[in-house]
Amino acid sequence: MRQFSSTELANKTGDVLAAAAQRPVAIARHGKARFVVLSTEQFERLQHGMDTRKSVHVSDLSDAEAEAMIDALQESIDND
């Protein structure tokens, strides 16, 4: 997810909104994502359960998918 600082949001609102029109963007304060800006269409899909994401059991992940998930979780832990 693309991330903007709260200062960038204040100074470059048009750029932030243009990016959010394409996909959700994070707004960070003190280097940590605190908010998400997304289009109305994306928000409505989430609200109405039309989110196309799916869940899978960890045993159904390929080795590459499992490793990518572990790496992402470790990065989240390290940067939290």
Protein backbone atom coordinates (compact mmCIF):
# COMPACT_ATOMS: atom_id res chain seq x y z
CA MET A 1 0.00 0.00 0.00
CA ARG A 2 1.36 3.39 -0.90
CA GLN A 3 1.96 5.60 2.11
CA PHE A 4 1.90 9.37 2.56
CA SER A 5 2.84 11.34 5.64
CA SER A 6 0.24 13.59 7.26
CA THR A 7 2.36 16.54 6.07
CA GLU A 8 2.14 15.28 2.50
CA LEU A 9 -1.62 14.98 2.92
CA ALA A 10 -1.78 18.63 3.93
CA ASN A 11 0.60 19.87 1.25
CA LYS A 12 -0.19 17.53 -1.65
CA THR A 13 -3.85 16.69 -1.20
CA GLY A 14 -4.40 16.30 -4.95
CA ASP A 15 -1.62 13.73 -5.26
CA VAL A 16 -2.94 11.76 -2.28
CA LEU A 17 -6.50 11.76 -3.65
CA ALA A 18 -5.30 10.76 -7.12
CA ALA A 19 -3.44 7.80 -5.62
CA ALA A 20 -6.45 6.86 -3.46
CA ALA A 21 -8.66 6.84 -6.55
CA GLN A 22 -6.56 3.94 -7.83
CA ARG A 23 -6.17 1.97 -4.59
CA PRO A 24 -6.24 2.61 -0.84
CA VAL A 25 -3.37 4.66 0.56
CA ALA A 26 -2.05 4.87 4.11
CA ILE A 27 -1.59 8.15 5.95
CA ALA A 28 1.28 8.00 8.44
CA ARG A 29 1.98 10.04 11.55
CA HIS A 30 5.45 9.81 13.04
CA GLY A 31 6.35 7.16 10.46
CA LYS A 32 3.54 4.76 11.34
CA ALA A 33 0.41 4.21 9.25
CA ARG A 34 -2.58 5.53 11.18
CA PHE A 35 -5.35 6.06 8.59
CA VAL A 36 -6.42 4.75 5.20
CA VAL A 37 -7.94 6.81 2.38
CA LEU A 38 -9.91 4.90 -0.24
CA SER A 39 -12.50 5.56 -2.93
CA THR A 40 -16.19 5.48 -2.17
CA GLU A 41 -16.57 2.42 -4.41
CA GLN A 42 -13.90 0.53 -2.49
CA PHE A 43 -15.47 1.53 0.81
CA GLU A 44 -18.94 0.41 -0.31
CA ARG A 45 -17.59 -2.96 -1.44
CA LEU A 46 -16.13 -3.46 2.02
CA GLN A 47 -19.34 -2.31 3.70
CA HIS A 48 -21.55 -4.59 1.66
CA GLY A 49 -19.45 -7.70 1.91
CA MET A 50 -18.41 -7.59 -1.73
CA ASP A 51 -14.76 -7.85 -0.84
CA THR A 52 -13.29 -10.53 -3.08
CA ARG A 53 -10.53 -11.54 -0.68
CA LYS A 54 -10.65 -15.11 0.55
CA SER A 55 -9.23 -16.98 3.47
CA VAL A 56 -7.23 -20.15 3.22
CA HIS A 57 -5.91 -22.55 5.80
CA VAL A 58 -2.17 -22.29 6.34
CA SER A 59 -1.76 -25.91 5.23
CA ASP A 60 -3.13 -24.92 1.80
CA LEU A 61 -0.40 -22.32 1.18
CA SER A 62 2.48 -23.09 -1.13
CA ASP A 63 5.96 -22.87 0.35
CA ALA A 64 6.50 -19.54 -1.44
CA GLU A 65 3.19 -18.13 -0.12
CA ALA A 66 3.95 -19.26 3.42
CA GLU A 67 7.43 -17.73 3.29
CA ALA A 68 6.03 -14.45 1.94
CA MET A 69 3.50 -14.36 4.77
CA ILE A 70 6.17 -15.03 7.40
CA ASP A 71 8.38 -12.30 5.91
CA ALA A 72 5.49 -9.81 5.93
CA LEU A 73 4.60 -10.65 9.52
CA GLN A 74 8.23 -10.30 10.63
CA GLU A 75 8.49 -6.93 8.87
CA SER A 76 5.32 -5.80 10.64
CA ILE A 77 6.74 -6.91 14.00
CA ASP A 78 10.08 -5.22 13.33
CA ASN A 79 8.47 -1.93 12.26
CA ASP A 80 5.71 -1.71 14.85
